[in-house]
């Protein structure tokens, strides 16, 4: 998603990342990748509460599944999909879902 961030911004979408890691851990992760061009949200305490409410928390690992969630301007979830690996995510298909909301 990092390399496609500009396309999502052009479509009027805001990309966010979320993990159950602490903010310092997220900063280290982002730095290891050379930075991430979108905000990372820390669902650290209570651990995984937001991810659990979205139905994307892997209870066994205590971490969210890799997922894409599209929320419209009214706060309604319009698309949600979980993925096994980063390579399974098709940014063009996700962008098409975003464009359906316009």
PDB file of N, CA and C in Angstrom:
ATOM      1  N   UNK A   1       0.822  -1.190   0.000  1.00  0.00           N
ATOM      2  CA  UNK A   1       0.000   0.000   0.000  1.00  0.00           C
ATOM      3  C   UNK A   1       0.869   1.259   0.000  1.00  0.00           C
ATOM      4  N   UNK A   2       2.088   1.152   0.504  1.00  0.00           N
ATOM      5  CA  UNK A   2       2.947   2.336   0.570  1.00  0.00           C
ATOM      6  C   UNK A   2       3.150   2.974  -0.794  1.00  0.00           C
ATOM      7  N   UNK A   3       3.451   2.157  -1.800  1.00  0.00           N
ATOM      8  CA  UNK A   3       3.764   2.731  -3.111  1.00  0.00           C
ATOM      9  C   UNK A   3       2.521   3.219  -3.848  1.00  0.00           C
ATOM     10  N   UNK A   4       1.344   2.858  -3.379  1.00  0.00           N
ATOM     11  CA  UNK A   4       0.097   3.284  -4.014  1.00  0.00           C
ATOM     12  C   UNK A   4      -0.602   4.390  -3.230  1.00  0.00           C
ATOM     13  N   UNK A   5       0.017   4.875  -2.165  1.00  0.00           N
ATOM     14  CA  UNK A   5      -0.631   5.852  -1.294  1.00  0.00           C
ATOM     15  C   UNK A   5      -1.105   7.086  -2.057  1.00  0.00           C
ATOM     16  N   UNK A   6      -0.303   7.604  -2.984  1.00  0.00           N
ATOM     17  CA  UNK A   6      -0.681   8.801  -3.742  1.00  0.00           C
ATOM     18  C   UNK A   6      -1.964   8.570  -4.540  1.00  0.00           C
ATOM     19  N   UNK A   7      -2.130   7.374  -5.100  1.00  0.00           N
ATOM     20  CA  UNK A   7      -3.352   7.068  -5.858  1.00  0.00           C
ATOM     21  C   UNK A   7      -4.578   7.117  -4.964  1.00  0.00           C
ATOM     22  N   UNK A   8      -4.437   6.640  -3.736  1.00  0.00           N
ATOM     23  CA  UNK A   8      -5.559   6.680  -2.800  1.00  0.00           C
ATOM     24  C   UNK A   8      -5.866   8.114  -2.390  1.00  0.00           C
ATOM     25  N   UNK A   9      -4.819   8.919  -2.183  1.00  0.00           N
ATOM     26  CA  UNK A   9      -5.027  10.324  -1.840  1.00  0.00           C
ATOM     27  C   UNK A   9      -5.732  11.056  -2.972  1.00  0.00           C
ATOM     28  N   UNK A  10      -5.340  10.777  -4.220  1.00  0.00           N
ATOM     29  CA  UNK A  10      -5.982  11.399  -5.380  1.00  0.00           C
ATOM     30  C   UNK A  10      -7.456  11.026  -5.466  1.00  0.00           C
ATOM     31  N   UNK A  11      -7.811   9.843  -4.979  1.00  0.00           N
ATOM     32  CA  UNK A  11      -9.205   9.390  -4.979  1.00  0.00           C
ATOM     33  C   UNK A  11      -9.969   9.910  -3.762  1.00  0.00           C
ATOM     34  N   UNK A  12      -9.298  10.716  -2.932  1.00  0.00           N
ATOM     35  CA  UNK A  12      -9.960  11.287  -1.758  1.00  0.00           C
ATOM     36  C   UNK A  12      -9.992  10.365  -0.560  1.00  0.00           C
ATOM     37  N   UNK A  13      -9.146   9.347  -0.562  1.00  0.00           N
ATOM     38  CA  UNK A  13      -9.125   8.382   0.543  1.00  0.00           C
ATOM     39  C   UNK A  13      -7.946   8.662   1.471  1.00  0.00           C
ATOM     40  N   UNK A  14      -8.118   8.341   2.734  1.00  0.00           N
ATOM     41  CA  UNK A  14      -7.039   8.431   3.719  1.00  0.00           C
ATOM     42  C   UNK A  14      -6.658   7.013   4.115  1.00  0.00           C
ATOM     43  N   UNK A  15      -5.419   6.632   3.870  1.00  0.00           N
ATOM     44  CA  UNK A  15      -4.923   5.318   4.259  1.00  0.00           C
ATOM     45  C   UNK A  15      -4.401   5.414   5.686  1.00  0.00           C
ATOM     46  N   UNK A  16      -4.755   4.438   6.511  1.00  0.00           N
ATOM     47  CA  UNK A  16      -4.263   4.329   7.883  1.00  0.00           C
ATOM     48  C   UNK A  16      -3.791   2.905   8.109  1.00  0.00           C
ATOM     49  N   UNK A  17      -2.794   2.739   8.934  1.00  0.00           N
ATOM     50  CA  UNK A  17      -2.373   1.412   9.370  1.00  0.00           C
ATOM     51  C   UNK A  17      -2.709   1.268  10.842  1.00  0.00           C
ATOM     52  N   UNK A  18      -2.923   0.046  11.291  1.00  0.00           N
ATOM     53  CA  UNK A  18      -3.187  -0.193  12.713  1.00  0.00           C
ATOM     54  C   UNK A  18      -2.491  -1.480  13.128  1.00  0.00           C
ATOM     55  N   UNK A  19      -1.929  -1.454  14.316  1.00  0.00           N
ATOM     56  CA  UNK A  19      -1.353  -2.665  14.893  1.00  0.00           C
ATOM     57  C   UNK A  19      -1.548  -2.613  16.397  1.00  0.00           C
ATOM     58  N   UNK A  20      -1.285  -3.716  17.047  1.00  0.00           N
ATOM     59  CA  UNK A  20      -1.394  -3.789  18.508  1.00  0.00           C
ATOM     60  C   UNK A  20      -0.054  -3.479  19.170  1.00  0.00           C
ATOM     61  N   UNK A  21       0.897  -3.010  18.383  1.00  0.00           N
ATOM     62  CA  UNK A  21       2.210  -2.653  18.909  1.00  0.00           C
ATOM     63  C   UNK A  21       2.174  -1.271  19.550  1.00  0.00           C
ATOM     64  N   UNK A  22       3.143  -1.021  20.419  1.00  0.00           N
ATOM     65  CA  UNK A  22       3.267   0.300  21.038  1.00  0.00           C
ATOM     66  C   UNK A  22       3.754   1.301  19.995  1.00  0.00           C
ATOM     67  N   UNK A  23       3.562   2.563  20.279  1.00  0.00           N
ATOM     68  CA  UNK A  23       4.001   3.608  19.351  1.00  0.00           C
ATOM     69  C   UNK A  23       5.514   3.536  19.084  1.00  0.00           C
ATOM     70  N   UNK A  24       6.374   3.355  20.104  1.00  0.00           N
ATOM     71  CA  UNK A  24       7.814   3.244  19.809  1.00  0.00           C
ATOM     72  C   UNK A  24       8.143   2.069  18.876  1.00  0.00           C
ATOM     73  N   UNK A  25       7.439   0.962  19.022  1.00  0.00           N
ATOM     74  CA  UNK A  25       7.655  -0.187  18.138  1.00  0.00           C
ATOM     75  C   UNK A  25       7.242   0.159  16.714  1.00  0.00           C
ATOM     76  N   UNK A  26       6.130   0.886  16.570  1.00  0.00           N
ATOM     77  CA  UNK A  26       5.685   1.292  15.237  1.00  0.00           C
ATOM     78  C   UNK A  26       6.684   2.237  14.571  1.00  0.00           C
ATOM     79  N   UNK A  27       7.234   3.158  15.355  1.00  0.00           N
ATOM     80  CA  UNK A  27       8.226   4.093  14.811  1.00  0.00           C
ATOM     81  C   UNK A  27       9.447   3.320  14.311  1.00  0.00           C
ATOM     82  N   UNK A  28       9.904   2.346  15.080  1.00  0.00           N
ATOM     83  CA  UNK A  28      11.046   1.522  14.670  1.00  0.00           C
ATOM     84  C   UNK A  28      10.717   0.736  13.403  1.00  0.00           C
ATOM     85  N   UNK A  29       9.508   0.185  13.326  1.00  0.00           N
ATOM     86  CA  UNK A  29       9.074  -0.566  12.147  1.00  0.00           C
ATOM     87  C   UNK A  29       9.070   0.338  10.920  1.00  0.00           C
ATOM     88  N   UNK A  30       8.457   1.505  11.046  1.00  0.00           N
ATOM     89  CA  UNK A  30       8.399   2.450   9.932  1.00  0.00           C
ATOM     90  C   UNK A  30       9.804   2.847   9.479  1.00  0.00           C
ATOM     91  N   UNK A  31      10.674   3.109  10.428  1.00  0.00           N
ATOM     92  CA  UNK A  31      12.059   3.480  10.105  1.00  0.00           C
ATOM     93  C   UNK A  31      12.784   2.359   9.378  1.00  0.00           C
ATOM     94  N   UNK A  32      12.502   1.115   9.758  1.00  0.00           N
ATOM     95  CA  UNK A  32      13.162  -0.022   9.111  1.00  0.00           C
ATOM     96  C   UNK A  32      12.762  -0.148   7.647  1.00  0.00           C
ATOM     97  N   UNK A  33      11.606   0.419   7.291  1.00  0.00           N
ATOM     98  CA  UNK A  33      11.130   0.383   5.906  1.00  0.00           C
ATOM     99  C   UNK A  33      11.492   1.654   5.144  1.00  0.00           C
ATOM    100  N   UNK A  34      12.148   2.582   5.826  1.00  0.00           N
ATOM    101  CA  UNK A  34      12.467   3.850   5.189  1.00  0.00           C
ATOM    102  C   UNK A  34      11.332   4.850   5.316  1.00  0.00           C
ATOM    103  N   UNK A  35      10.391   4.591   6.148  1.00  0.00           N
ATOM    104  CA  UNK A  35       9.198   5.385   6.489  1.00  0.00           C
ATOM    105  C   UNK A  35       7.954   4.843   5.800  1.00  0.00           C
ATOM    106  N   UNK A  36       6.841   5.134   6.402  1.00  0.00           N
ATOM    107  CA  UNK A  36       5.532   4.751   5.873  1.00  0.00           C
ATOM    108  C   UNK A  36       4.776   6.059   5.647  1.00  0.00           C
ATOM    109  N   UNK A  37       4.214   6.268   4.446  1.00  0.00           N
ATOM    110  CA  UNK A  37       3.625   7.566   4.108  1.00  0.00           C
ATOM    111  C   UNK A  37       2.223   7.824   4.664  1.00  0.00           C
ATOM    112  N   UNK A  38       1.762   6.981   5.547  1.00  0.00           N
ATOM    113  CA  UNK A  38       0.441   7.184   6.139  1.00  0.00           C
ATOM    114  C   UNK A  38       0.525   6.926   7.638  1.00  0.00           C
ATOM    115  N   UNK A  39      -0.430   7.461   8.404  1.00  0.00           N
ATOM    116  CA  UNK A  39      -0.396   7.296   9.860  1.00  0.00           C
ATOM    117  C   UNK A  39      -0.580   5.841  10.288  1.00  0.00           C
ATOM    118  N   UNK A  40       0.118   5.474  11.354  1.00  0.00           N
ATOM    119  CA  UNK A  40      -0.057   4.166  11.986  1.00  0.00           C
ATOM    120  C   UNK A  40      -0.754   4.379  13.323  1.00  0.00           C
ATOM    121  N   UNK A  41      -1.827   3.651  13.552  1.00  0.00           N
ATOM    122  CA  UNK A  41      -2.575   3.745  14.796  1.00  0.00           C
ATOM    123  C   UNK A  41      -2.134   2.630  15.728  1.00  0.00           C
ATOM    124  N   UNK A  42      -1.945   2.960  16.994  1.00  0.00           N
ATOM    125  CA  UNK A  42      -1.502   1.982  17.989  1.00  0.00           C
ATOM    126  C   UNK A  42      -2.698   1.507  18.810  1.00  0.00           C
ATOM    127  N   UNK A  43      -3.139   0.286  18.562  1.00  0.00           N
ATOM    128  CA  UNK A  43      -4.237  -0.334  19.318  1.00  0.00           C
ATOM    129  C   UNK A  43      -3.616  -1.129  20.465  1.00  0.00           C
ATOM    130  N   UNK A  44      -2.822  -0.415  21.258  1.00  0.00           N
ATOM    131  CA  UNK A  44      -1.973  -1.055  22.262  1.00  0.00           C
ATOM    132  C   UNK A  44      -2.691  -1.308  23.584  1.00  0.00           C
ATOM    133  N   UNK A  45      -3.490  -0.337  24.047  1.00  0.00           N
ATOM    134  CA  UNK A  45      -4.170  -0.525  25.322  1.00  0.00           C
ATOM    135  C   UNK A  45      -5.527   0.130  25.299  1.00  0.00           C
ATOM    136  N   UNK A  46      -6.586  -0.552  25.664  1.00  0.00           N
ATOM    137  CA  UNK A  46      -6.582  -1.987  25.956  1.00  0.00           C
ATOM    138  C   UNK A  46      -6.209  -2.780  24.702  1.00  0.00           C
ATOM    139  N   UNK A  47      -5.340  -3.728  24.902  1.00  0.00           N
ATOM    140  CA  UNK A  47      -4.696  -4.453  23.812  1.00  0.00           C
ATOM    141  C   UNK A  47      -5.702  -5.000  22.799  1.00  0.00           C
ATOM    142  N   UNK A  48      -5.640  -4.461  21.575  1.00  0.00           N
ATOM    143  CA  UNK A  48      -6.442  -4.987  20.479  1.00  0.00           C
ATOM    144  C   UNK A  48      -7.919  -4.659  20.521  1.00  0.00           C
ATOM    145  N   UNK A  49      -8.344  -3.733  21.352  1.00  0.00           N
ATOM    146  CA  UNK A  49      -9.779  -3.442  21.491  1.00  0.00           C
ATOM    147  C   UNK A  49     -10.401  -2.959  20.183  1.00  0.00           C
ATOM    148  N   UNK A  50      -9.715  -2.075  19.476  1.00  0.00           N
ATOM    149  CA  UNK A  50     -10.251  -1.560  18.213  1.00  0.00           C
ATOM    150  C   UNK A  50     -10.271  -2.666  17.167  1.00  0.00           C
ATOM    151  N   UNK A  51      -9.164  -3.405  17.051  1.00  0.00           N
ATOM    152  CA  UNK A  51      -9.103  -4.504  16.080  1.00  0.00           C
ATOM    153  C   UNK A  51     -10.177  -5.546  16.364  1.00  0.00           C
ATOM    154  N   UNK A  52     -10.399  -5.832  17.636  1.00  0.00           N
ATOM    155  CA  UNK A  52     -11.438  -6.797  18.000  1.00  0.00           C
ATOM    156  C   UNK A  52     -12.811  -6.278  17.583  1.00  0.00           C
ATOM    157  N   UNK A  53     -13.071  -4.993  17.811  1.00  0.00           N
ATOM    158  CA  UNK A  53     -14.378  -4.435  17.445  1.00  0.00           C
ATOM    159  C   UNK A  53     -14.589  -4.436  15.933  1.00  0.00           C
ATOM    160  N   UNK A  54     -13.497  -4.398  15.174  1.00  0.00           N
ATOM    161  CA  UNK A  54     -13.585  -4.447  13.714  1.00  0.00           C
ATOM    162  C   UNK A  54     -13.605  -5.876  13.178  1.00  0.00           C
ATOM    163  N   UNK A  55     -13.418  -6.852  14.065  1.00  0.00           N
ATOM    164  CA  UNK A  55     -13.429  -8.254  13.648  1.00  0.00           C
ATOM    165  C   UNK A  55     -12.168  -8.683  12.932  1.00  0.00           C
ATOM    166  N   UNK A  56     -11.048  -8.012  13.216  1.00  0.00           N
ATOM    167  CA  UNK A  56      -9.797  -8.359  12.530  1.00  0.00           C
ATOM    168  C   UNK A  56      -8.690  -8.780  13.490  1.00  0.00           C
ATOM    169  N   UNK A  57      -9.021  -9.009  14.760  1.00  0.00           N
ATOM    170  CA  UNK A  57      -8.003  -9.413  15.728  1.00  0.00           C
ATOM    171  C   UNK A  57      -7.810 -10.921  15.702  1.00  0.00           C
ATOM    172  N   UNK A  58      -6.575 -11.349  15.503  1.00  0.00           N
ATOM    173  CA  UNK A  58      -6.217 -12.758  15.611  1.00  0.00           C
ATOM    174  C   UNK A  58      -5.958 -13.017  17.094  1.00  0.00           C
ATOM    175  N   UNK A  59      -6.920 -13.607  17.765  1.00  0.00           N
ATOM    176  CA  UNK A  59      -6.847 -13.808  19.218  1.00  0.00           C
ATOM    177  C   UNK A  59      -5.638 -14.661  19.617  1.00  0.00           C
ATOM    178  N   UNK A  60      -5.287 -15.646  18.796  1.00  0.00           N
ATOM    179  CA  UNK A  60      -4.161 -16.523  19.127  1.00  0.00           C
ATOM    180  C   UNK A  60      -2.829 -15.782  19.111  1.00  0.00           C
ATOM    181  N   UNK A  61      -2.668 -14.859  18.173  1.00  0.00           N
ATOM    182  CA  UNK A  61      -1.415 -14.116  18.058  1.00  0.00           C
ATOM    183  C   UNK A  61      -1.437 -12.792  18.819  1.00  0.00           C
ATOM    184  N   UNK A  62      -2.630 -12.332  19.171  1.00  0.00           N
ATOM    185  CA  UNK A  62      -2.738 -11.032  19.834  1.00  0.00           C
ATOM    186  C   UNK A  62      -2.383  -9.888  18.907  1.00  0.00           C
ATOM    187  N   UNK A  63      -2.607 -10.095  17.628  1.00  0.00           N
ATOM    188  CA  UNK A  63      -2.289  -9.096  16.606  1.00  0.00           C
ATOM    189  C   UNK A  63      -3.388  -9.116  15.549  1.00  0.00           C
ATOM    190  N   UNK A  64      -3.564  -8.017  14.846  1.00  0.00           N
ATOM    191  CA  UNK A  64      -4.598  -8.017  13.813  1.00  0.00           C
ATOM    192  C   UNK A  64      -4.189  -8.855  12.609  1.00  0.00           C
ATOM    193  N   UNK A  65      -5.199  -9.407  11.951  1.00  0.00           N
ATOM    194  CA  UNK A  65      -4.972 -10.015  10.647  1.00  0.00           C
ATOM    195  C   UNK A  65      -4.608  -8.884   9.687  1.00  0.00           C
ATOM    196  N   UNK A  66      -3.899  -9.195   8.616  1.00  0.00           N
ATOM    197  CA  UNK A  66      -3.686  -8.210   7.560  1.00  0.00           C
ATOM    198  C   UNK A  66      -5.066  -7.981   6.945  1.00  0.00           C
ATOM    199  N   UNK A  67      -5.515  -6.756   6.926  1.00  0.00           N
ATOM    200  CA  UNK A  67      -6.870  -6.476   6.456  1.00  0.00           C
ATOM    201  C   UNK A  67      -6.938  -5.120   5.772  1.00  0.00           C
ATOM    202  N   UNK A  68      -7.907  -4.991   4.897  1.00  0.00           N
ATOM    203  CA  UNK A  68      -8.252  -3.706   4.290  1.00  0.00           C
ATOM    204  C   UNK A  68      -9.700  -3.436   4.678  1.00  0.00           C
ATOM    205  N   UNK A  69      -9.933  -2.262   5.231  1.00  0.00           N
ATOM    206  CA  UNK A  69     -11.280  -1.844   5.603  1.00  0.00           C
ATOM    207  C   UNK A  69     -11.511  -0.483   4.970  1.00  0.00           C
ATOM    208  N   UNK A  70     -12.604  -0.337   4.263  1.00  0.00           N
ATOM    209  CA  UNK A  70     -12.958   0.950   3.672  1.00  0.00           C
ATOM    210  C   UNK A  70     -14.169   1.475   4.420  1.00  0.00           C
ATOM    211  N   UNK A  71     -14.011   2.679   4.962  1.00  0.00           N
ATOM    212  CA  UNK A  71     -15.063   3.332   5.733  1.00  0.00           C
ATOM    213  C   UNK A  71     -15.478   4.580   4.963  1.00  0.00           C
ATOM    214  N   UNK A  72     -16.789   4.771   4.782  1.00  0.00           N
ATOM    215  CA  UNK A  72     -17.236   5.957   4.054  1.00  0.00           C
ATOM    216  C   UNK A  72     -17.203   7.194   4.946  1.00  0.00           C
ATOM    217  N   UNK A  73     -17.578   8.336   4.392  1.00  0.00           N
ATOM    218  CA  UNK A  73     -17.505   9.604   5.121  1.00  0.00           C
ATOM    219  C   UNK A  73     -18.453   9.666   6.308  1.00  0.00           C
ATOM    220  N   UNK A  74     -19.455   8.798   6.316  1.00  0.00           N
ATOM    221  CA  UNK A  74     -20.392   8.738   7.439  1.00  0.00           C
ATOM    222  C   UNK A  74     -19.938   7.759   8.519  1.00  0.00           C
ATOM    223  N   UNK A  75     -18.808   7.101   8.288  1.00  0.00           N
ATOM    224  CA  UNK A  75     -18.282   6.161   9.269  1.00  0.00           C
ATOM    225  C   UNK A  75     -18.814   4.747   9.128  1.00  0.00           C
ATOM    226  N   UNK A  76     -19.452   4.449   7.999  1.00  0.00           N
ATOM    227  CA  UNK A  76     -20.010   3.119   7.752  1.00  0.00           C
ATOM    228  C   UNK A  76     -18.981   2.272   6.999  1.00  0.00           C
ATOM    229  N   UNK A  77     -18.733   1.066   7.500  1.00  0.00           N
ATOM    230  CA  UNK A  77     -17.813   0.152   6.816  1.00  0.00           C
ATOM    231  C   UNK A  77     -18.485  -0.333   5.540  1.00  0.00           C
ATOM    232  N   UNK A  78     -17.835  -0.081   4.409  1.00  0.00           N
ATOM    233  CA  UNK A  78     -18.369  -0.461   3.096  1.00  0.00           C
ATOM    234  C   UNK A  78     -17.635  -1.644   2.482  1.00  0.00           C
ATOM    235  N   UNK A  79     -16.449  -1.950   3.005  1.00  0.00           N
ATOM    236  CA  UNK A  79     -15.654  -3.053   2.464  1.00  0.00           C
ATOM    237  C   UNK A  79     -14.714  -3.526   3.555  1.00  0.00           C
ATOM    238  N   UNK A  80     -14.600  -4.841   3.700  1.00  0.00           N
ATOM    239  CA  UNK A  80     -13.640  -5.415   4.648  1.00  0.00           C
ATOM    240  C   UNK A  80     -13.181  -6.756   4.108  1.00  0.00           C
ATOM    241  N   UNK A  81     -11.872  -6.924   4.047  1.00  0.00           N
ATOM    242  CA  UNK A  81     -11.285  -8.170   3.549  1.00  0.00           C
ATOM    243  C   UNK A  81     -10.005  -8.429   4.327  1.00  0.00           C
ATOM    244  N   UNK A  82      -9.793  -9.687   4.716  1.00  0.00           N
ATOM    245  CA  UNK A  82      -8.536 -10.057   5.363  1.00  0.00           C
ATOM    246  C   UNK A  82      -7.687 -10.846   4.366  1.00  0.00           C
ATOM    247  N   UNK A  83      -6.375 -10.784   4.577  1.00  0.00           N
ATOM    248  CA  UNK A  83      -5.428 -11.386   3.650  1.00  0.00           C
ATOM    249  C   UNK A  83      -4.376 -12.170   4.426  1.00  0.00           C
ATOM    250  N   UNK A  84      -3.871 -13.229   3.817  1.00  0.00           N
ATOM    251  CA  UNK A  84      -2.840 -14.047   4.442  1.00  0.00           C
ATOM    252  C   UNK A  84      -1.470 -13.390   4.340  1.00  0.00           C
ATOM    253  N   UNK A  85      -1.169 -12.807   3.194  1.00  0.00           N
ATOM    254  CA  UNK A  85       0.152 -12.206   2.968  1.00  0.00           C
ATOM    255  C   UNK A  85       0.008 -10.875   2.247  1.00  0.00           C
ATOM    256  N   UNK A  86       1.020 -10.030   2.370  1.00  0.00           N
ATOM    257  CA  UNK A  86       0.989  -8.715   1.720  1.00  0.00           C
ATOM    258  C   UNK A  86       0.795  -8.843   0.213  1.00  0.00           C
ATOM    259  N   UNK A  87       1.376  -9.869  -0.380  1.00  0.00           N
ATOM    260  CA  UNK A  87       1.255 -10.076  -1.816  1.00  0.00           C
ATOM    261  C   UNK A  87      -0.150 -10.420  -2.272  1.00  0.00           C
ATOM    262  N   UNK A  88      -1.015 -10.790  -1.332  1.00  0.00           N
ATOM    263  CA  UNK A  88      -2.396 -11.120  -1.672  1.00  0.00           C
ATOM    264  C   UNK A  88      -3.253  -9.879  -1.892  1.00  0.00           C
ATOM    265  N   UNK A  89      -2.795  -8.732  -1.396  1.00  0.00           N
ATOM    266  CA  UNK A  89      -3.554  -7.489  -1.510  1.00  0.00           C
ATOM    267  C   UNK A  89      -3.385  -6.928  -2.919  1.00  0.00           C
ATOM    268  N   UNK A  90      -4.507  -6.628  -3.575  1.00  0.00           N
ATOM    269  CA  UNK A  90      -4.483  -6.047  -4.912  1.00  0.00           C
ATOM    270  C   UNK A  90      -4.870  -4.570  -4.801  1.00  0.00           C
ATOM    271  N   UNK A  91      -3.887  -3.663  -4.772  1.00  0.00           N
ATOM    272  CA  UNK A  91      -4.201  -2.245  -4.591  1.00  0.00           C
ATOM    273  C   UNK A  91      -5.160  -1.686  -5.639  1.00  0.00           C
ATOM    274  N   UNK A  92      -5.083  -2.162  -6.890  1.00  0.00           N
ATOM    275  CA  UNK A  92      -5.984  -1.660  -7.929  1.00  0.00           C
ATOM    276  C   UNK A  92      -7.433  -2.039  -7.610  1.00  0.00           C
ATOM    277  N   UNK A  93      -7.653  -3.243  -7.097  1.00  0.00           N
ATOM    278  CA  UNK A  93      -9.008  -3.666  -6.724  1.00  0.00           C
ATOM    279  C   UNK A  93      -9.515  -2.861  -5.532  1.00  0.00           C
ATOM    280  N   UNK A  94      -8.632  -2.561  -4.581  1.00  0.00           N
ATOM    281  CA  UNK A  94      -9.019  -1.756  -3.421  1.00  0.00           C
ATOM    282  C   UNK A  94      -9.365  -0.345  -3.878  1.00  0.00           C
ATOM    283  N   UNK A  95      -8.569   0.217  -4.772  1.00  0.00           N
ATOM    284  CA  UNK A  95      -8.835   1.550  -5.304  1.00  0.00           C
ATOM    285  C   UNK A  95     -10.178   1.584  -6.029  1.00  0.00           C
ATOM    286  N   UNK A  96     -10.503   0.526  -6.754  1.00  0.00           N
ATOM    287  CA  UNK A  96     -11.807   0.444  -7.426  1.00  0.00           C
ATOM    288  C   UNK A  96     -12.943   0.467  -6.404  1.00  0.00           C
ATOM    289  N   UNK A  97     -12.751  -0.192  -5.263  1.00  0.00           N
ATOM    290  CA  UNK A  97     -13.764  -0.168  -4.199  1.00  0.00           C
ATOM    291  C   UNK A  97     -13.926   1.249  -3.640  1.00  0.00           C
ATOM    292  N   UNK A  98     -12.816   1.958  -3.472  1.00  0.00           N
ATOM    293  CA  UNK A  98     -12.869   3.348  -2.995  1.00  0.00           C
ATOM    294  C   UNK A  98     -13.634   4.210  -3.997  1.00  0.00           C
ATOM    295  N   UNK A  99     -13.330   4.037  -5.262  1.00  0.00           N
ATOM    296  CA  UNK A  99     -13.963   4.851  -6.305  1.00  0.00           C
ATOM    297  C   UNK A  99     -15.461   4.600  -6.408  1.00  0.00           C
ATOM    298  N   UNK A 100     -15.930   3.430  -6.005  1.00  0.00           N
ATOM    299  CA  UNK A 100     -17.373   3.142  -6.000  1.00  0.00           C
ATOM    300  C   UNK A 100     -18.127   4.066  -5.049  1.00  0.00           C
ATOM    301  N   UNK A 101     -17.432   4.580  -4.042  1.00  0.00           N
ATOM    302  CA  UNK A 101     -18.081   5.426  -3.038  1.00  0.00           C
ATOM    303  C   UNK A 101     -18.216   6.877  -3.490  1.00  0.00           C
ATOM    304  N   UNK A 102     -17.623   7.217  -4.603  1.00  0.00           N
ATOM    305  CA  UNK A 102     -17.647   8.614  -5.045  1.00  0.00           C
ATOM    306  C   UNK A 102     -18.812   8.914  -5.948  1.00  0.00           C
TER     307      UNK A 102
END
